[in-house]
Structure formats: C-alpha cells, structure tokens
Amino acid sequence: MNPYATTANWSLQPWSTPAPSLFGALPQLSLVPESLGAVLKFTFSPISSSSEASLLDCVVLGPQPRVYFRVNTAGAEQRTIVRNHRLEDVVVVNWTNQPSVLVRTPSASPSNTRSTGQTQLVVPETKTAEWLSLSGPGSSRMMQVRGCTFCWIEGDGALQLRIPGELQEPHRPESAPLAYIQRWEDDVLMAQLQITTEAVRLGLLEACIAATILLMSSRQID
C-alpha cells in the first residue's frame, strides 16, 4: 500500500482536515540541526479565530516575535497575496482550475545584504503542480528556485526541505534538512516553518513561505 496515496497526518498531499500536534508546544520545538546555522521560526497564525479560520488569511510571525509577512486571500478566494513588512508582494497564488504561483524576493545591493527596496523574480508564474511536482510514487515533491532543484520529503513528523542526493555538497550531512514545515491545531489551524540561515542566504525564504501555504492550505494544487 502506498502511504502517500491518501491524506495522512503529515503528507505531501494537501491536507483536507486539521492534523493533530504530535509534539505538543511546537513553536518551542527546533527540528533543524544547529550545524546549518541559526534556526529561524515563522509561525502562520490565522487572522480569524472562527471555525473557518484559514492559513490563506493570516499573519506570519518571525523572530522577536513580530509580523514579517501578511497573507490575504480576496476576489472570491481566487487569489492569495503574501506581502512582506515593506508591503512588497512576494508571493502570488492564483486559485484557478490550474493554480499557479509566482515568487519574488527583496533585492540586495551588490556591496551588502541590505534590501534595495526592489524585488527580484525567483519563481516566474508557474503551475503549482509543476513547481511542487509530486514524484511518481508520491514520496516527495520537487521545488525549483532560481534554476536549482530542492526536494520536500516526509520525515520526523514534518515536511523536510533537502537537496536531492545528486546535488548534495560534499560537506553537507545527508541527514541535515534546510527547513521543516509543521502544522497543528490549537483552537485554530496553525503552521510553522523552521528555516536555517543558510537557506535564507540561498534566497529560499519566500519560496518556503509559498510552499508552506500551498502544502498546508487544504487547497488542491495538482
């Protein structure tokens, strides 16, 4: 029996029902190995506390904690936009018959890492089924960012972002993911992205924010 063929507690298939917490107070849990640098945690907290609360309308709390991103879905739920704290649109998801996603990241000046106030396209508008393409046996989803391939797999009660085996760097332990995504229910549905500073340096933060929304939203992306 294929364990990935149907929705499970932790699955690369979009969830249709909330998954219970397997670890208790998840916001305090760090799953990412310290060997990949500091771990940054981003918690997706729905704006509404009603039974219909959704990750498609939420704030994303980062370190300190403060609001780093706002997620809003409008237009009869046909479009989800993620804005950063500078009010730049960094993720756009169109929920059509064939959903698509577009991802931007703030541009840094050549001399330092400070944002120039502009954004750079890192994922051109792409069908979500192609951007997070499900593998043949359903055991992983491949993700393309800036021409590089990354892989979401299930493990340790979460979704893990890894570099596929053929792209592994010699110094990187094969068991060290770049990021984790978890989801749980605490009165309302919530999710958390844990991402290493190395992954942020690679320009993966906004792409991981987009992946969290797509994989945790209960919407059909294939």
Protein backbone atom coordinates (compact mmCIF):
# COMPACT_ATOMS: atom_id res chain seq x y z
CA MET A 1 0.00 0.00 0.00
CA ASN A 2 1.34 3.41 -0.92
CA PRO A 3 1.43 5.51 2.30
CA TYR A 4 1.47 8.71 0.26
CA ALA A 5 -1.57 7.95 -1.86
CA THR A 6 -4.04 9.31 0.70
CA THR A 7 -4.03 12.19 3.13
CA ALA A 8 -2.15 11.44 6.35
CA ASN A 9 -1.17 13.36 9.48
CA TRP A 10 1.97 14.57 7.73
CA SER A 11 1.65 14.32 3.99
CA LEU A 12 2.88 15.87 0.79
CA GLN A 13 -0.71 15.67 -0.41
CA PRO A 14 -2.65 18.84 0.57
CA TRP A 15 -4.50 18.27 3.83
CA SER A 16 -8.28 18.41 3.90
CA THR A 17 -8.61 18.09 7.68
CA PRO A 18 -6.51 19.53 10.52
CA ALA A 19 -3.68 17.35 11.74
CA PRO A 20 -3.16 17.00 15.49
CA SER A 21 0.07 18.09 17.10
CA LEU A 22 2.49 15.22 17.56
CA PHE A 23 4.95 17.21 19.62
CA GLY A 24 2.96 19.45 21.99
CA ALA A 25 4.20 23.06 22.07
CA LEU A 26 5.54 23.10 18.52
CA PRO A 27 6.57 26.78 18.41
CA GLN A 28 9.24 25.93 21.01
CA LEU A 29 10.48 22.88 19.12
CA SER A 30 13.58 23.14 16.97
CA LEU A 31 13.97 20.35 14.44
CA VAL A 32 16.68 21.85 12.25
CA PRO A 33 20.26 20.79 13.05
CA GLU A 34 22.36 23.58 14.54
CA SER A 35 25.15 22.61 12.10
CA LEU A 36 23.32 24.55 9.39
CA GLY A 37 23.44 27.79 11.35
CA ALA A 38 20.82 29.61 13.37
CA VAL A 39 17.24 28.43 13.06
CA LEU A 40 14.57 31.00 12.21
CA LYS A 41 10.97 30.14 13.06
CA PHE A 42 7.99 31.59 11.21
CA THR A 43 4.56 30.81 12.65
CA PHE A 44 1.45 31.13 10.47
CA SER A 45 -1.37 32.42 12.66
CA PRO A 46 -4.87 32.88 11.13
CA ILE A 47 -6.38 36.34 11.49
CA SER A 48 -9.78 34.93 12.40
CA SER A 49 -10.44 32.75 15.43
CA SER A 50 -13.61 31.27 13.94
CA SER A 51 -14.03 27.64 12.91
CA GLU A 52 -13.45 28.73 9.30
CA ALA A 53 -10.08 30.31 10.04
CA SER A 54 -7.58 29.62 7.29
CA LEU A 55 -3.87 29.90 6.62
CA LEU A 56 -4.92 31.77 3.47
CA ASP A 57 -5.71 34.78 5.68
CA CYS A 58 -3.07 35.00 8.36
CA VAL A 59 -0.06 36.81 9.72
CA VAL A 60 3.38 35.21 9.75
CA LEU A 61 5.26 35.85 12.96
CA GLY A 62 9.02 35.62 12.81
CA PRO A 63 11.82 36.15 15.31
CA GLN A 64 11.41 38.50 18.31
CA PRO A 65 8.40 37.89 17.54
CA ARG A 66 7.00 40.35 15.05
CA VAL A 67 4.96 40.23 11.86
CA TYR A 68 7.19 39.51 8.87
CA PHE A 69 4.50 38.65 6.31
CA ARG A 70 0.76 39.07 5.86
CA VAL A 71 -1.26 36.57 3.84
CA ASN A 72 -4.53 37.75 2.31
CA THR A 73 -6.97 35.98 0.01
CA ALA A 74 -9.51 38.03 -1.93
CA GLY A 75 -11.52 38.11 -5.15
CA ALA A 76 -13.91 35.31 -4.26
CA GLU A 77 -10.87 33.38 -3.00
CA GLN A 78 -9.29 33.31 -6.45
CA ARG A 79 -6.01 34.99 -5.45
CA THR A 80 -3.75 34.82 -2.41
CA ILE A 81 -1.11 37.52 -1.93
CA VAL A 82 1.74 37.49 0.57
CA ARG A 83 3.23 40.88 1.46
CA ASN A 84 6.37 41.44 3.49
CA HIS A 85 6.81 44.14 6.13
CA ARG A 86 7.74 46.64 3.38
CA LEU A 87 4.35 45.93 1.73
CA GLU A 88 6.03 44.24 -1.25
CA ASP A 89 4.10 41.42 -2.92
CA VAL A 90 6.50 38.47 -2.60
CA VAL A 91 4.10 35.58 -3.31
CA VAL A 92 1.04 35.50 -5.56
CA VAL A 93 -1.11 32.38 -5.89
CA ASN A 94 -3.93 32.25 -8.41
CA TRP A 95 -6.52 29.62 -7.44
CA THR A 96 -7.92 28.79 -10.84
CA ASN A 97 -8.71 25.39 -12.35
CA GLN A 98 -4.94 25.12 -12.79
CA PRO A 99 -3.49 27.01 -9.80
CA SER A 100 -0.29 28.99 -10.35
CA VAL A 101 2.31 30.60 -8.12
CA LEU A 102 4.79 33.45 -8.50
CA VAL A 103 7.56 34.22 -6.01
CA ARG A 104 9.74 37.29 -5.57
CA THR A 105 12.45 38.12 -3.05
CA PRO A 106 13.85 41.52 -2.00
CA SER A 107 16.93 42.51 -3.99
CA ALA A 108 20.15 43.23 -2.11
CA SER A 109 22.68 45.82 -3.18
CA PRO A 110 25.96 44.44 -4.63
CA SER A 111 28.03 45.78 -1.73
CA ASN A 112 25.95 44.38 1.16
CA THR A 113 22.90 42.36 2.07
CA ARG A 114 20.56 45.30 2.66
CA SER A 115 17.44 45.38 0.53
CA THR A 116 17.34 47.93 -2.28
CA GLY A 117 13.58 48.34 -1.90
CA GLN A 118 13.02 46.33 -5.08
CA THR A 119 12.11 42.70 -5.63
CA GLN A 120 13.65 40.05 -7.81
CA LEU A 121 11.65 37.33 -9.54
CA VAL A 122 12.89 33.94 -8.32
CA VAL A 123 9.93 31.80 -9.45
CA PRO A 124 8.12 33.07 -12.57
CA GLU A 125 4.40 32.34 -12.70
CA THR A 126 4.24 28.55 -12.81
CA LYS A 127 1.50 26.00 -12.33
CA THR A 128 1.66 24.76 -8.75
CA ALA A 129 1.52 21.16 -9.99
CA GLU A 130 4.76 21.83 -11.88
CA TRP A 131 6.51 23.97 -9.25
CA LEU A 132 5.82 21.45 -6.46
CA SER A 133 5.77 18.42 -8.70
CA LEU A 134 4.80 15.18 -6.98
CA SER A 135 7.17 12.29 -7.60
CA GLY A 136 5.96 9.08 -9.25
CA PRO A 137 5.46 7.12 -6.02
CA GLY A 138 4.23 10.25 -4.22
CA SER A 139 7.11 10.18 -1.75
CA SER A 140 8.45 13.67 -2.47
CA ARG A 141 7.78 16.99 -4.15
CA MET A 142 10.46 18.72 -6.19
CA MET A 143 10.75 22.52 -5.96
CA GLN A 144 12.58 24.75 -8.44
CA VAL A 145 14.05 28.07 -7.24
CA ARG A 146 16.42 30.15 -9.39
CA GLY A 147 17.14 27.14 -11.56
CA CYS A 148 18.12 24.98 -8.58
CA THR A 149 16.22 21.87 -7.53
CA PHE A 150 15.17 21.16 -3.96
CA CYS A 151 13.05 18.37 -2.54
CA TRP A 152 10.29 18.21 0.09
CA ILE A 153 10.02 14.82 1.78
CA GLU A 154 8.25 13.49 4.87
CA GLY A 155 10.21 12.63 7.98
CA ASP A 156 10.36 13.15 11.75
CA GLY A 157 6.70 14.18 11.80
CA ALA A 158 7.16 17.07 9.37
CA LEU A 159 7.93 18.02 5.79
CA GLN A 160 11.66 18.45 5.24
CA LEU A 161 13.41 20.52 2.59
CA ARG A 162 16.52 18.82 1.24
CA ILE A 163 18.90 18.97 -1.68
CA PRO A 164 18.39 15.87 -3.86
CA GLY A 165 21.14 13.28 -3.47
CA GLU A 166 22.80 14.05 -6.79
CA LEU A 167 23.14 17.70 -5.80
CA GLN A 168 24.45 17.12 -2.27
CA GLU A 169 27.50 19.18 -1.43
CA PRO A 170 30.38 17.06 -0.07
CA HIS A 171 30.49 18.89 3.29
CA ARG A 172 26.73 18.71 3.95
CA PRO A 173 25.46 15.77 6.03
CA GLU A 174 22.80 13.95 4.07
CA SER A 175 20.56 13.95 7.15
CA ALA A 176 20.52 17.74 7.55
CA PRO A 177 17.42 19.42 6.05
CA LEU A 178 17.42 23.09 5.12
CA ALA A 179 13.92 23.64 6.51
CA TYR A 180 10.93 21.97 8.13
CA ILE A 181 7.18 22.60 7.84
CA GLN A 182 4.73 21.51 10.53
CA ARG A 183 1.01 22.02 11.05
CA TRP A 184 -1.18 21.62 14.12
CA GLU A 185 -4.47 22.74 15.63
CA ASP A 186 -4.56 24.99 18.71
CA ASP A 187 -8.17 26.29 18.74
CA VAL A 188 -7.43 27.33 15.15
CA LEU A 189 -5.29 25.77 12.45
CA MET A 190 -1.67 26.92 12.58
CA ALA A 191 1.58 26.07 10.83
CA GLN A 192 5.25 26.73 11.35
CA LEU A 193 8.22 26.99 9.03
CA GLN A 194 11.64 26.39 10.55
CA ILE A 195 14.38 27.51 8.20
CA THR A 196 18.14 27.76 8.55
CA THR A 197 20.10 30.92 7.95
CA GLU A 198 21.91 29.01 5.21
CA ALA A 199 18.61 28.51 3.37
CA VAL A 200 17.79 32.19 3.81
CA ARG A 201 21.20 33.04 2.38
CA LEU A 202 20.35 30.90 -0.63
CA GLY A 203 17.25 33.04 -1.18
CA LEU A 204 14.76 30.34 -0.18
CA LEU A 205 12.73 32.16 2.49
CA GLU A 206 9.95 33.50 0.27
CA ALA A 207 9.81 30.23 -1.70
CA CYS A 208 9.43 28.30 1.56
CA ILE A 209 6.69 30.69 2.68
CA ALA A 210 4.89 29.94 -0.61
CA ALA A 211 5.41 26.19 -0.21
CA THR A 212 4.02 26.30 3.33
CA ILE A 213 0.85 27.99 2.14
CA LEU A 214 0.38 25.63 -0.79
CA LEU A 215 1.06 22.43 1.15
CA MET A 216 -0.80 23.39 4.33
CA SER A 217 -3.84 25.24 2.92
CA SER A 218 -6.04 22.21 2.18
CA ARG A 219 -6.43 23.51 -1.39
CA GLN A 220 -5.92 21.32 -4.43
CA ILE A 221 -2.58 22.16 -6.06
CA ASP A 222 -2.31 19.30 -8.55
